[in-house]
Amino acid sequence: MTDRTYSPIDRLIGAADDALTTLFGSPGGTGRPSPANGMADGEMTAAERQTAARLMRVNHVGEICAQALYQSQAITARSEDLRRTMAQTALEEADHLRWCEQRIDALGGRKSLLNPLWYGGSFAIGALAGLTGDRLNLGFLEETERQVEGHLNSHLSRLPEADRASRAVVDQMKIDETSHAQKARNAGATELPDLVKQLMGTVSRIMTGTAHWV
């Protein structure tokens, strides 16, 4: 059986469905169980639970953005191999989205009210990255994952020690992000100019700072 070749219209319809599922549905991802399953938290104060919920909300927003980025990059990729790579990465990142949502619920928090805005902006950025060519597209994926890894390290230092479940989720997310960055490098990613990296970092800081509260 040969793989079906999708037209641009097919991909746009698929992207619309992906967006609705990401924002309002229940992304299945690869079906991996959450690292938090069966893990009991220690005693946390109300303030610690609130801090943990806000950090996991920021991580959830990051995964909303990841879905938008990789889905739009898949649409604009020029090679079928890269489209499959982006689609698989988005699928694995959907696990993270589900895990973060579960932790937000368990901690009594809420998701960001601005998720549609985060998704739309990230989709546009990903589409622009894809239009620059496949090697730069991969470079954008690699740099995105590197910056996300840095945010996750920061969150591990800020999450309450007693919130073992959230820490387990973030630990696994960090492992996956590192793997995705390495796969992009191995596939021929071109390193982005420093100015682009700095701009990406600035946008990311605005997003995470806002999502912490809204």
N, C-alpha and C. Protein backbone atom coordinates (compact mmCIF):
# COMPACT_ATOMS: atom_id res chain seq x y z
N MET A 1 0.85 -1.19 0.00
CA MET A 1 0.00 0.00 0.00
C MET A 1 0.89 1.25 0.00
N THR A 2 0.61 2.22 -0.85
CA THR A 2 1.41 3.44 -0.93
C THR A 2 0.79 4.51 -0.06
N ASP A 3 1.64 5.42 0.39
CA ASP A 3 1.15 6.53 1.20
C ASP A 3 0.34 7.47 0.33
N ARG A 4 -0.75 8.00 0.89
CA ARG A 4 -1.55 8.96 0.15
C ARG A 4 -0.82 10.28 0.05
N THR A 5 -0.92 10.93 -1.11
CA THR A 5 -0.36 12.26 -1.28
C THR A 5 -1.47 13.27 -1.06
N TYR A 6 -1.27 14.15 -0.09
CA TYR A 6 -2.31 15.12 0.26
C TYR A 6 -2.10 16.42 -0.49
N SER A 7 -3.21 17.01 -0.96
CA SER A 7 -3.17 18.29 -1.64
C SER A 7 -3.08 19.41 -0.60
N PRO A 8 -2.73 20.63 -1.05
CA PRO A 8 -2.70 21.75 -0.10
C PRO A 8 -4.04 21.96 0.60
N ILE A 9 -5.14 21.76 -0.13
CA ILE A 9 -6.46 21.91 0.49
C ILE A 9 -6.67 20.86 1.57
N ASP A 10 -6.26 19.61 1.27
CA ASP A 10 -6.35 18.54 2.27
C ASP A 10 -5.60 18.94 3.54
N ARG A 11 -4.40 19.50 3.36
CA ARG A 11 -3.57 19.85 4.51
C ARG A 11 -4.20 20.98 5.32
N LEU A 12 -4.81 21.95 4.63
CA LEU A 12 -5.45 23.05 5.34
C LEU A 12 -6.66 22.57 6.14
N ILE A 13 -7.42 21.65 5.55
CA ILE A 13 -8.57 21.09 6.26
C ILE A 13 -8.08 20.31 7.49
N GLY A 14 -7.00 19.55 7.29
CA GLY A 14 -6.42 18.82 8.40
C GLY A 14 -5.91 19.75 9.49
N ALA A 15 -5.33 20.88 9.06
CA ALA A 15 -4.81 21.85 10.04
C ALA A 15 -5.94 22.47 10.85
N ALA A 16 -7.06 22.75 10.19
CA ALA A 16 -8.21 23.31 10.91
C ALA A 16 -8.73 22.32 11.94
N ASP A 17 -8.78 21.05 11.55
CA ASP A 17 -9.23 20.02 12.49
C ASP A 17 -8.25 19.89 13.66
N ASP A 18 -6.95 19.94 13.36
CA ASP A 18 -5.94 19.87 14.41
C ASP A 18 -6.07 21.04 15.38
N ALA A 19 -6.34 22.23 14.84
CA ALA A 19 -6.47 23.41 15.69
C ALA A 19 -7.64 23.27 16.65
N LEU A 20 -8.78 22.82 16.14
CA LEU A 20 -9.96 22.65 16.99
C LEU A 20 -9.72 21.59 18.06
N THR A 21 -9.05 20.51 17.66
CA THR A 21 -8.75 19.45 18.63
C THR A 21 -7.80 19.94 19.71
N THR A 22 -6.78 20.68 19.29
CA THR A 22 -5.79 21.19 20.24
C THR A 22 -6.41 22.15 21.25
N LEU A 23 -7.26 23.06 20.76
CA LEU A 23 -7.80 24.11 21.61
C LEU A 23 -9.02 23.69 22.41
N PHE A 24 -9.85 22.81 21.81
CA PHE A 24 -11.13 22.52 22.46
C PHE A 24 -11.40 21.03 22.66
N GLY A 25 -10.54 20.18 22.15
CA GLY A 25 -10.76 18.75 22.25
C GLY A 25 -9.78 18.08 23.18
N SER A 26 -9.54 16.81 22.89
CA SER A 26 -8.61 16.02 23.71
C SER A 26 -7.59 15.34 22.80
N PRO A 27 -6.45 16.02 22.55
CA PRO A 27 -5.43 15.43 21.68
C PRO A 27 -4.95 14.09 22.24
N GLY A 28 -4.92 13.09 21.39
CA GLY A 28 -4.52 11.76 21.86
C GLY A 28 -3.02 11.56 21.91
N GLY A 29 -2.30 12.23 21.00
CA GLY A 29 -0.86 12.03 20.93
C GLY A 29 -0.53 10.60 20.57
N THR A 30 0.54 10.09 21.15
CA THR A 30 0.94 8.71 20.89
C THR A 30 0.29 7.74 21.86
N GLY A 31 -0.41 8.30 22.84
CA GLY A 31 -1.06 7.44 23.83
C GLY A 31 -0.18 7.05 25.00
N ARG A 32 1.01 7.65 25.09
CA ARG A 32 1.87 7.32 26.23
C ARG A 32 1.21 7.72 27.54
N PRO A 33 1.30 6.88 28.56
CA PRO A 33 0.73 7.27 29.86
C PRO A 33 1.55 8.40 30.48
N SER A 34 0.90 9.20 31.27
CA SER A 34 1.59 10.30 31.94
C SER A 34 2.61 9.78 32.93
N PRO A 35 3.79 10.41 32.98
CA PRO A 35 4.79 10.04 34.00
C PRO A 35 4.27 10.25 35.42
N ALA A 36 3.19 11.04 35.56
CA ALA A 36 2.64 11.32 36.89
C ALA A 36 1.71 10.21 37.38
N ASN A 37 1.35 9.29 36.49
CA ASN A 37 0.40 8.24 36.89
C ASN A 37 0.92 7.43 38.08
N GLY A 38 0.08 7.28 39.08
CA GLY A 38 0.43 6.48 40.25
C GLY A 38 1.41 7.14 41.19
N MET A 39 1.70 8.42 40.95
CA MET A 39 2.69 9.11 41.78
C MET A 39 1.98 10.01 42.78
N ALA A 40 2.24 9.80 44.05
CA ALA A 40 1.60 10.59 45.11
C ALA A 40 2.42 11.84 45.41
N ASP A 41 1.74 12.97 45.49
CA ASP A 41 2.41 14.21 45.86
C ASP A 41 2.61 14.28 47.37
N GLY A 42 3.60 15.06 47.78
CA GLY A 42 3.77 15.35 49.18
C GLY A 42 2.83 16.47 49.59
N GLU A 43 2.90 16.86 50.84
CA GLU A 43 2.05 17.95 51.33
C GLU A 43 2.50 19.28 50.72
N MET A 44 1.53 20.03 50.20
CA MET A 44 1.82 21.34 49.64
C MET A 44 0.90 22.37 50.24
N THR A 45 1.41 23.56 50.46
CA THR A 45 0.57 24.66 50.91
C THR A 45 -0.27 25.15 49.74
N ALA A 46 -1.26 25.96 50.03
CA ALA A 46 -2.11 26.53 48.98
C ALA A 46 -1.26 27.37 48.02
N ALA A 47 -0.30 28.09 48.56
CA ALA A 47 0.56 28.93 47.71
C ALA A 47 1.43 28.07 46.80
N GLU A 48 1.92 26.95 47.32
CA GLU A 48 2.74 26.06 46.49
C GLU A 48 1.92 25.43 45.38
N ARG A 49 0.69 25.03 45.68
CA ARG A 49 -0.17 24.46 44.66
C ARG A 49 -0.48 25.48 43.57
N GLN A 50 -0.69 26.73 44.00
CA GLN A 50 -0.96 27.79 43.03
C GLN A 50 0.25 28.04 42.13
N THR A 51 1.43 28.05 42.73
CA THR A 51 2.66 28.23 41.95
C THR A 51 2.83 27.11 40.94
N ALA A 52 2.62 25.87 41.40
CA ALA A 52 2.77 24.72 40.51
C ALA A 52 1.75 24.78 39.37
N ALA A 53 0.51 25.15 39.69
CA ALA A 53 -0.54 25.23 38.66
C ALA A 53 -0.20 26.27 37.61
N ARG A 54 0.34 27.40 38.06
CA ARG A 54 0.70 28.46 37.11
C ARG A 54 1.86 28.03 36.22
N LEU A 55 2.84 27.34 36.78
CA LEU A 55 3.96 26.87 35.97
C LEU A 55 3.50 25.82 34.96
N MET A 56 2.59 24.94 35.38
CA MET A 56 2.10 23.94 34.45
C MET A 56 1.20 24.57 33.39
N ARG A 57 0.54 25.68 33.74
CA ARG A 57 -0.22 26.41 32.72
C ARG A 57 0.71 26.98 31.67
N VAL A 58 1.84 27.53 32.11
CA VAL A 58 2.82 28.04 31.15
C VAL A 58 3.32 26.91 30.25
N ASN A 59 3.58 25.75 30.85
CA ASN A 59 4.03 24.61 30.05
C ASN A 59 2.96 24.16 29.07
N HIS A 60 1.71 24.22 29.51
CA HIS A 60 0.59 23.86 28.62
C HIS A 60 0.52 24.82 27.43
N VAL A 61 0.69 26.11 27.71
CA VAL A 61 0.70 27.10 26.63
C VAL A 61 1.85 26.81 25.66
N GLY A 62 3.01 26.43 26.21
CA GLY A 62 4.13 26.08 25.34
C GLY A 62 3.79 24.93 24.41
N GLU A 63 3.01 23.98 24.91
CA GLU A 63 2.62 22.84 24.08
C GLU A 63 1.54 23.21 23.08
N ILE A 64 0.67 24.16 23.43
CA ILE A 64 -0.29 24.70 22.46
C ILE A 64 0.49 25.32 21.29
N CYS A 65 1.51 26.11 21.65
CA CYS A 65 2.33 26.75 20.62
C CYS A 65 3.08 25.72 19.79
N ALA A 66 3.57 24.66 20.45
CA ALA A 66 4.29 23.62 19.73
C ALA A 66 3.39 22.94 18.69
N GLN A 67 2.15 22.66 19.07
CA GLN A 67 1.22 22.06 18.12
C GLN A 67 1.04 22.95 16.90
N ALA A 68 0.83 24.24 17.15
CA ALA A 68 0.62 25.18 16.04
C ALA A 68 1.86 25.28 15.16
N LEU A 69 3.03 25.38 15.79
CA LEU A 69 4.27 25.51 15.04
C LEU A 69 4.50 24.31 14.14
N TYR A 70 4.43 23.12 14.70
CA TYR A 70 4.80 21.93 13.93
C TYR A 70 3.74 21.57 12.91
N GLN A 71 2.47 21.87 13.20
CA GLN A 71 1.44 21.61 12.20
C GLN A 71 1.58 22.55 11.01
N SER A 72 1.89 23.82 11.27
CA SER A 72 2.07 24.77 10.17
C SER A 72 3.36 24.50 9.42
N GLN A 73 4.41 24.10 10.15
CA GLN A 73 5.66 23.76 9.47
C GLN A 73 5.49 22.52 8.59
N ALA A 74 4.66 21.59 9.02
CA ALA A 74 4.40 20.41 8.19
C ALA A 74 3.69 20.79 6.90
N ILE A 75 2.77 21.74 6.98
CA ILE A 75 2.04 22.17 5.79
C ILE A 75 2.96 22.83 4.77
N THR A 76 3.90 23.64 5.27
CA THR A 76 4.76 24.42 4.36
C THR A 76 6.06 23.71 4.02
N ALA A 77 6.34 22.56 4.62
CA ALA A 77 7.57 21.82 4.29
C ALA A 77 7.54 21.40 2.82
N ARG A 78 8.72 21.35 2.22
CA ARG A 78 8.79 21.03 0.79
C ARG A 78 8.95 19.54 0.51
N SER A 79 9.47 18.81 1.46
CA SER A 79 9.67 17.37 1.25
C SER A 79 8.69 16.57 2.10
N GLU A 80 8.29 15.43 1.57
CA GLU A 80 7.37 14.57 2.32
C GLU A 80 8.04 14.03 3.58
N ASP A 81 9.34 13.78 3.51
CA ASP A 81 10.05 13.28 4.70
C ASP A 81 9.95 14.28 5.83
N LEU A 82 10.15 15.56 5.52
CA LEU A 82 10.08 16.58 6.57
C LEU A 82 8.66 16.74 7.08
N ARG A 83 7.68 16.63 6.19
CA ARG A 83 6.28 16.69 6.64
C ARG A 83 6.00 15.59 7.65
N ARG A 84 6.51 14.40 7.36
CA ARG A 84 6.29 13.29 8.29
C ARG A 84 7.02 13.53 9.62
N THR A 85 8.22 14.10 9.53
CA THR A 85 8.98 14.41 10.75
C THR A 85 8.22 15.41 11.62
N MET A 86 7.70 16.48 11.00
CA MET A 86 6.97 17.49 11.75
C MET A 86 5.68 16.91 12.33
N ALA A 87 5.00 16.10 11.54
CA ALA A 87 3.75 15.51 12.02
C ALA A 87 4.00 14.58 13.20
N GLN A 88 5.08 13.80 13.14
CA GLN A 88 5.40 12.89 14.24
C GLN A 88 5.80 13.67 15.49
N THR A 89 6.56 14.75 15.29
CA THR A 89 6.95 15.59 16.43
C THR A 89 5.72 16.19 17.09
N ALA A 90 4.77 16.67 16.28
CA ALA A 90 3.53 17.24 16.83
C ALA A 90 2.76 16.18 17.60
N LEU A 91 2.77 14.95 17.10
CA LEU A 91 2.06 13.86 17.78
C LEU A 91 2.66 13.60 19.16
N GLU A 92 4.00 13.57 19.22
CA GLU A 92 4.66 13.32 20.50
C GLU A 92 4.47 14.49 21.46
N GLU A 93 4.46 15.71 20.91
CA GLU A 93 4.23 16.88 21.75
C GLU A 93 2.80 16.91 22.28
N ALA A 94 1.86 16.28 21.56
CA ALA A 94 0.48 16.22 22.04
C ALA A 94 0.38 15.44 23.34
N ASP A 95 1.30 14.48 23.54
CA ASP A 95 1.36 13.79 24.84
C ASP A 95 1.62 14.81 25.94
N HIS A 96 2.57 15.70 25.70
CA HIS A 96 2.91 16.72 26.69
C HIS A 96 1.69 17.60 26.99
N LEU A 97 0.96 17.95 25.95
CA LEU A 97 -0.23 18.79 26.11
C LEU A 97 -1.23 18.12 27.05
N ARG A 98 -1.45 16.85 26.82
CA ARG A 98 -2.40 16.08 27.65
C ARG A 98 -1.90 15.97 29.09
N TRP A 99 -0.61 15.68 29.25
CA TRP A 99 -0.05 15.53 30.60
C TRP A 99 -0.15 16.84 31.39
N CYS A 100 0.16 17.96 30.72
CA CYS A 100 0.10 19.26 31.40
C CYS A 100 -1.34 19.59 31.81
N GLU A 101 -2.29 19.31 30.94
CA GLU A 101 -3.69 19.58 31.26
C GLU A 101 -4.13 18.75 32.46
N GLN A 102 -3.70 17.52 32.52
CA GLN A 102 -4.05 16.67 33.66
C GLN A 102 -3.49 17.23 34.96
N ARG A 103 -2.25 17.73 34.91
CA ARG A 103 -1.66 18.30 36.13
C ARG A 103 -2.35 19.60 36.52
N ILE A 104 -2.72 20.43 35.57
CA ILE A 104 -3.44 21.66 35.88
C ILE A 104 -4.74 21.34 36.60
N ASP A 105 -5.46 20.35 36.08
CA ASP A 105 -6.72 19.94 36.72
C ASP A 105 -6.48 19.42 38.14
N ALA A 106 -5.45 18.58 38.28
CA ALA A 106 -5.16 17.98 39.60
C ALA A 106 -4.77 19.04 40.63
N LEU A 107 -4.15 20.11 40.17
CA LEU A 107 -3.70 21.17 41.07
C LEU A 107 -4.76 22.24 41.31
N GLY A 108 -5.91 22.09 40.64
CA GLY A 108 -6.97 23.07 40.82
C GLY A 108 -6.74 24.35 40.06
N GLY A 109 -5.94 24.30 38.99
CA GLY A 109 -5.67 25.49 38.20
C GLY A 109 -6.57 25.58 36.99
N ARG A 110 -6.22 26.47 36.07
CA ARG A 110 -6.97 26.61 34.83
C ARG A 110 -6.01 26.87 33.69
N LYS A 111 -6.49 26.58 32.50
CA LYS A 111 -5.69 26.83 31.31
C LYS A 111 -5.72 28.32 30.95
N SER A 112 -4.77 28.74 30.13
CA SER A 112 -4.69 30.15 29.74
C SER A 112 -5.94 30.56 28.96
N LEU A 113 -6.43 31.74 29.25
CA LEU A 113 -7.58 32.28 28.54
C LEU A 113 -7.21 32.73 27.12
N LEU A 114 -5.91 32.83 26.87
CA LEU A 114 -5.44 33.34 25.58
C LEU A 114 -4.96 32.24 24.63
N ASN A 115 -5.33 30.99 24.89
CA ASN A 115 -4.83 29.89 24.07
C ASN A 115 -5.10 30.05 22.58
N PRO A 116 -6.29 30.52 22.16
CA PRO A 116 -6.49 30.73 20.72
C PRO A 116 -5.50 31.73 20.12
N LEU A 117 -5.19 32.78 20.90
CA LEU A 117 -4.21 33.78 20.43
C LEU A 117 -2.83 33.15 20.31
N TRP A 118 -2.41 32.39 21.33
CA TRP A 118 -1.11 31.74 21.28
C TRP A 118 -1.04 30.80 20.07
N TYR A 119 -2.11 30.06 19.84
CA TYR A 119 -2.12 29.11 18.72
C TYR A 119 -2.01 29.84 17.38
N GLY A 120 -2.82 30.88 17.20
CA GLY A 120 -2.82 31.60 15.92
C GLY A 120 -1.48 32.24 15.62
N GLY A 121 -0.90 32.88 16.63
CA GLY A 121 0.40 33.52 16.41
C GLY A 121 1.48 32.51 16.10
N SER A 122 1.48 31.40 16.80
CA SER A 122 2.50 30.38 16.58
C SER A 122 2.33 29.71 15.22
N PHE A 123 1.08 29.53 14.80
CA PHE A 123 0.84 28.93 13.48
C PHE A 123 1.43 29.82 12.38
N ALA A 124 1.23 31.13 12.52
CA ALA A 124 1.77 32.06 11.52
C ALA A 124 3.30 32.03 11.50
N ILE A 125 3.91 31.98 12.69
CA ILE A 125 5.37 31.93 12.78
C ILE A 125 5.90 30.64 12.15
N GLY A 126 5.24 29.52 12.46
CA GLY A 126 5.67 28.24 11.90
C GLY A 126 5.55 28.20 10.39
N ALA A 127 4.47 28.80 9.86
CA ALA A 127 4.29 28.83 8.41
C ALA A 127 5.40 29.64 7.74
N LEU A 128 5.76 30.77 8.35
CA LEU A 128 6.84 31.59 7.80
C LEU A 128 8.16 30.81 7.83
N ALA A 129 8.40 30.09 8.93
CA ALA A 129 9.63 29.29 9.02
C ALA A 129 9.65 28.23 7.94
N GLY A 130 8.51 27.60 7.68
CA GLY A 130 8.46 26.56 6.67
C GLY A 130 8.72 27.10 5.27
N LEU A 131 8.29 28.31 5.02
CA LEU A 131 8.45 28.90 3.68
C LEU A 131 9.90 29.27 3.38
N THR A 132 10.75 29.31 4.40
CA THR A 132 12.16 29.66 4.18
C THR A 132 12.96 28.50 3.60
N GLY A 133 12.40 27.30 3.61
CA GLY A 133 13.13 26.14 3.11
C GLY A 133 13.30 25.09 4.19
N ASP A 134 13.51 23.86 3.78
CA ASP A 134 13.49 22.76 4.73
C ASP A 134 14.63 22.80 5.75
N ARG A 135 15.81 23.20 5.34
CA ARG A 135 16.93 23.20 6.29
C ARG A 135 16.74 24.26 7.37
N LEU A 136 16.25 25.43 6.99
CA LEU A 136 15.95 26.46 7.98
C LEU A 136 14.73 26.07 8.81
N ASN A 137 13.80 25.38 8.18
CA ASN A 137 12.62 24.87 8.89
C ASN A 137 13.07 23.95 10.03
N LEU A 138 13.99 23.05 9.70
CA LEU A 138 14.55 22.17 10.73
C LEU A 138 15.35 22.95 11.77
N GLY A 139 16.04 23.99 11.31
CA GLY A 139 16.80 24.82 12.25
C GLY A 139 15.88 25.52 13.23
N PHE A 140 14.72 25.93 12.75
CA PHE A 140 13.74 26.57 13.63
C PHE A 140 13.21 25.57 14.64
N LEU A 141 12.97 24.34 14.20
CA LEU A 141 12.52 23.29 15.12
C LEU A 141 13.57 23.04 16.20
N GLU A 142 14.83 22.93 15.77
CA GLU A 142 15.90 22.67 16.73
C GLU A 142 16.00 23.79 17.77
N GLU A 143 16.00 25.03 17.31
CA GLU A 143 16.15 26.15 18.24
C GLU A 143 14.94 26.26 19.16
N THR A 144 13.76 26.00 18.64
CA THR A 144 12.56 26.01 19.47
C THR A 144 12.70 25.02 20.62
N GLU A 145 13.15 23.81 20.28
CA GLU A 145 13.29 22.77 21.31
C GLU A 145 14.37 23.13 22.32
N ARG A 146 15.45 23.74 21.85
CA ARG A 146 16.51 24.15 22.77
C ARG A 146 16.00 25.19 23.77
N GLN A 147 15.22 26.14 23.28
CA GLN A 147 14.70 27.18 24.16
C GLN A 147 13.66 26.62 25.13
N VAL A 148 12.84 25.69 24.65
CA VAL A 148 11.86 25.05 25.53
C VAL A 148 12.58 24.28 26.64
N GLU A 149 13.66 23.61 26.27
CA GLU A 149 14.43 22.86 27.27
C GLU A 149 14.93 23.80 28.37
N GLY A 150 15.35 25.00 27.98
CA GLY A 150 15.79 25.98 28.97
C GLY A 150 14.67 26.40 29.90
N HIS A 151 13.47 26.61 29.35
CA HIS A 151 12.32 26.96 30.18
C HIS A 151 11.99 25.83 31.15
N LEU A 152 12.06 24.59 30.68
CA LEU A 152 11.74 23.46 31.54
C LEU A 152 12.74 23.34 32.69
N ASN A 153 14.01 23.59 32.40
CA ASN A 153 15.02 23.60 33.47
C ASN A 153 14.68 24.64 34.52
N SER A 154 14.25 25.81 34.07
CA SER A 154 13.86 26.87 34.99
C SER A 154 12.68 26.45 35.85
N HIS A 155 11.72 25.77 35.23
CA HIS A 155 10.53 25.36 35.97
C HIS A 155 10.86 24.27 36.99
N LEU A 156 11.78 23.40 36.64
CA LEU A 156 12.19 22.37 37.61
C LEU A 156 12.78 23.00 38.87
N SER A 157 13.44 24.13 38.69
CA SER A 157 14.03 24.80 39.86
C SER A 157 13.00 25.56 40.67
N ARG A 158 11.81 25.79 40.07
CA ARG A 158 10.78 26.59 40.74
C ARG A 158 9.60 25.76 41.24
N LEU A 159 9.40 24.58 40.68
CA LEU A 159 8.31 23.74 41.14
C LEU A 159 8.56 23.28 42.59
N PRO A 160 7.53 23.22 43.41
CA PRO A 160 7.71 22.74 44.79
C PRO A 160 8.27 21.32 44.79
N GLU A 161 9.18 21.05 45.69
CA GLU A 161 9.76 19.71 45.79
C GLU A 161 8.69 18.66 46.03
N ALA A 162 7.63 19.04 46.75
CA ALA A 162 6.58 18.08 47.07
C ALA A 162 5.71 17.73 45.87
N ASP A 163 5.76 18.55 44.82
CA ASP A 163 4.95 18.27 43.62
C ASP A 163 5.70 17.29 42.72
N ARG A 164 5.80 16.07 43.21
CA ARG A 164 6.58 15.06 42.49
C ARG A 164 5.95 14.71 41.14
N ALA A 165 4.64 14.76 41.05
CA ALA A 165 3.97 14.39 39.79
C ALA A 165 4.30 15.39 38.68
N SER A 166 4.19 16.69 38.99
CA SER A 166 4.52 17.69 37.98
C SER A 166 5.99 17.62 37.59
N ARG A 167 6.85 17.38 38.55
CA ARG A 167 8.28 17.30 38.28
C ARG A 167 8.58 16.10 37.36
N ALA A 168 7.86 15.01 37.55
CA ALA A 168 8.06 13.84 36.69
C ALA A 168 7.63 14.15 35.26
N VAL A 169 6.53 14.87 35.12
CA VAL A 169 6.05 15.26 33.79
C VAL A 169 7.08 16.16 33.10
N VAL A 170 7.54 17.17 33.82
CA VAL A 170 8.51 18.12 33.23
C VAL A 170 9.82 17.41 32.89
N ASP A 171 10.25 16.49 33.72
CA ASP A 171 11.47 15.73 33.44
C ASP A 171 11.35 14.98 32.10
N GLN A 172 10.21 14.31 31.89
CA GLN A 172 10.03 13.55 30.65
C GLN A 172 9.90 14.48 29.45
N MET A 173 9.22 15.59 29.63
CA MET A 173 9.12 16.58 28.56
C MET A 173 10.50 17.05 28.14
N LYS A 174 11.35 17.30 29.12
CA LYS A 174 12.71 17.76 28.83
C LYS A 174 13.48 16.72 28.01
N ILE A 175 13.34 15.45 28.37
CA ILE A 175 14.00 14.37 27.62
C ILE A 175 13.52 14.37 26.17
N ASP A 176 12.21 14.51 25.98
CA ASP A 176 11.65 14.49 24.63
C ASP A 176 12.11 15.70 23.82
N GLU A 177 12.14 16.88 24.43
CA GLU A 177 12.56 18.08 23.71
C GLU A 177 14.01 17.95 23.23
N THR A 178 14.85 17.40 24.09
CA THR A 178 16.25 17.19 23.71
C THR A 178 16.35 16.24 22.54
N SER A 179 15.54 15.19 22.56
CA SER A 179 15.54 14.23 21.47
C SER A 179 15.06 14.86 20.17
N HIS A 180 14.03 15.68 20.23
CA HIS A 180 13.52 16.34 19.02
C HIS A 180 14.56 17.29 18.42
N ALA A 181 15.25 18.01 19.28
CA ALA A 181 16.29 18.92 18.79
C ALA A 181 17.40 18.15 18.10
N GLN A 182 17.80 17.03 18.68
CA GLN A 182 18.87 16.23 18.09
C GLN A 182 18.45 15.62 16.76
N LYS A 183 17.20 15.19 16.67
CA LYS A 183 16.69 14.63 15.42
C LYS A 183 16.71 15.68 14.32
N ALA A 184 16.34 16.91 14.67
CA ALA A 184 16.36 17.99 13.69
C ALA A 184 17.79 18.26 13.22
N ARG A 185 18.74 18.26 14.16
CA ARG A 185 20.15 18.46 13.81
C ARG A 185 20.64 17.35 12.90
N ASN A 186 20.31 16.11 13.22
CA ASN A 186 20.74 14.96 12.42
C ASN A 186 20.12 14.98 11.02
N ALA A 187 18.94 15.60 10.91
CA ALA A 187 18.24 15.64 9.61
C ALA A 187 18.76 16.75 8.71
N GLY A 188 19.70 17.57 9.22
CA GLY A 188 20.31 18.59 8.38
C GLY A 188 19.89 20.01 8.70
N ALA A 189 19.52 20.26 9.94
CA ALA A 189 19.09 21.61 10.33
C ALA A 189 20.22 22.62 10.14
N THR A 190 19.85 23.79 9.65
CA THR A 190 20.79 24.91 9.54
C THR A 190 20.65 25.78 10.78
N GLU A 191 21.78 26.12 11.40
CA GLU A 191 21.72 26.96 12.60
C GLU A 191 21.19 28.33 12.25
N LEU A 192 20.27 28.82 13.05
CA LEU A 192 19.67 30.12 12.79
C LEU A 192 20.61 31.25 13.18
N PRO A 193 20.48 32.41 12.53
CA PRO A 193 21.29 33.58 12.91
C PRO A 193 20.98 33.98 14.36
N ASP A 194 21.97 34.56 15.03
CA ASP A 194 21.80 34.96 16.43
C ASP A 194 20.63 35.92 16.60
N LEU A 195 20.41 36.82 15.64
CA LEU A 195 19.33 37.79 15.75
C LEU A 195 17.97 37.08 15.79
N VAL A 196 17.83 36.04 14.98
CA VAL A 196 16.57 35.28 14.96
C VAL A 196 16.39 34.55 16.29
N LYS A 197 17.46 33.96 16.82
CA LYS A 197 17.38 33.28 18.12
C LYS A 197 16.96 34.25 19.22
N GLN A 198 17.55 35.46 19.19
CA GLN A 198 17.22 36.46 20.20
C GLN A 198 15.76 36.88 20.08
N LEU A 199 15.28 37.04 18.85
CA LEU A 199 13.88 37.42 18.64
C LEU A 199 12.95 36.32 19.15
N MET A 200 13.30 35.07 18.86
CA MET A 200 12.51 33.94 19.35
C MET A 200 12.47 33.94 20.88
N GLY A 201 13.61 34.22 21.50
CA GLY A 201 13.68 34.26 22.95
C GLY A 201 12.81 35.37 23.54
N THR A 202 12.81 36.53 22.88
CA THR A 202 12.00 37.65 23.35
C THR A 202 10.52 37.33 23.28
N VAL A 203 10.10 36.77 22.15
CA VAL A 203 8.68 36.39 21.99
C VAL A 203 8.29 35.35 23.03
N SER A 204 9.20 34.40 23.26
CA SER A 204 8.92 33.34 24.23
C SER A 204 8.76 33.91 25.64
N ARG A 205 9.61 34.86 26.00
CA ARG A 205 9.52 35.46 27.34
C ARG A 205 8.21 36.23 27.51
N ILE A 206 7.77 36.92 26.47
CA ILE A 206 6.49 37.64 26.54
C ILE A 206 5.35 36.64 26.75
N MET A 207 5.41 35.55 25.99
CA MET A 207 4.36 34.53 26.09
C MET A 207 4.32 33.90 27.47
N THR A 208 5.47 33.47 27.96
CA THR A 208 5.50 32.77 29.25
C THR A 208 5.14 33.72 30.39
N GLY A 209 5.60 34.96 30.29
CA GLY A 209 5.28 35.93 31.34
C GLY A 209 3.79 36.22 31.41
N THR A 210 3.16 36.33 30.26
CA THR A 210 1.72 36.60 30.22
C THR A 210 0.92 35.39 30.66
N ALA A 211 1.30 34.21 30.15
CA ALA A 211 0.56 32.97 30.48
C ALA A 211 0.63 32.62 31.95
N HIS A 212 1.67 33.08 32.64
CA HIS A 212 1.78 32.80 34.07
C HIS A 212 0.58 33.37 34.84
N TRP A 213 0.02 34.47 34.32
CA TRP A 213 -1.06 35.15 35.03
C TRP A 213 -2.41 35.04 34.32
N VAL A 214 -2.42 34.91 32.99
CA VAL A 214 -3.68 34.96 32.24
C VAL A 214 -3.97 33.64 31.57
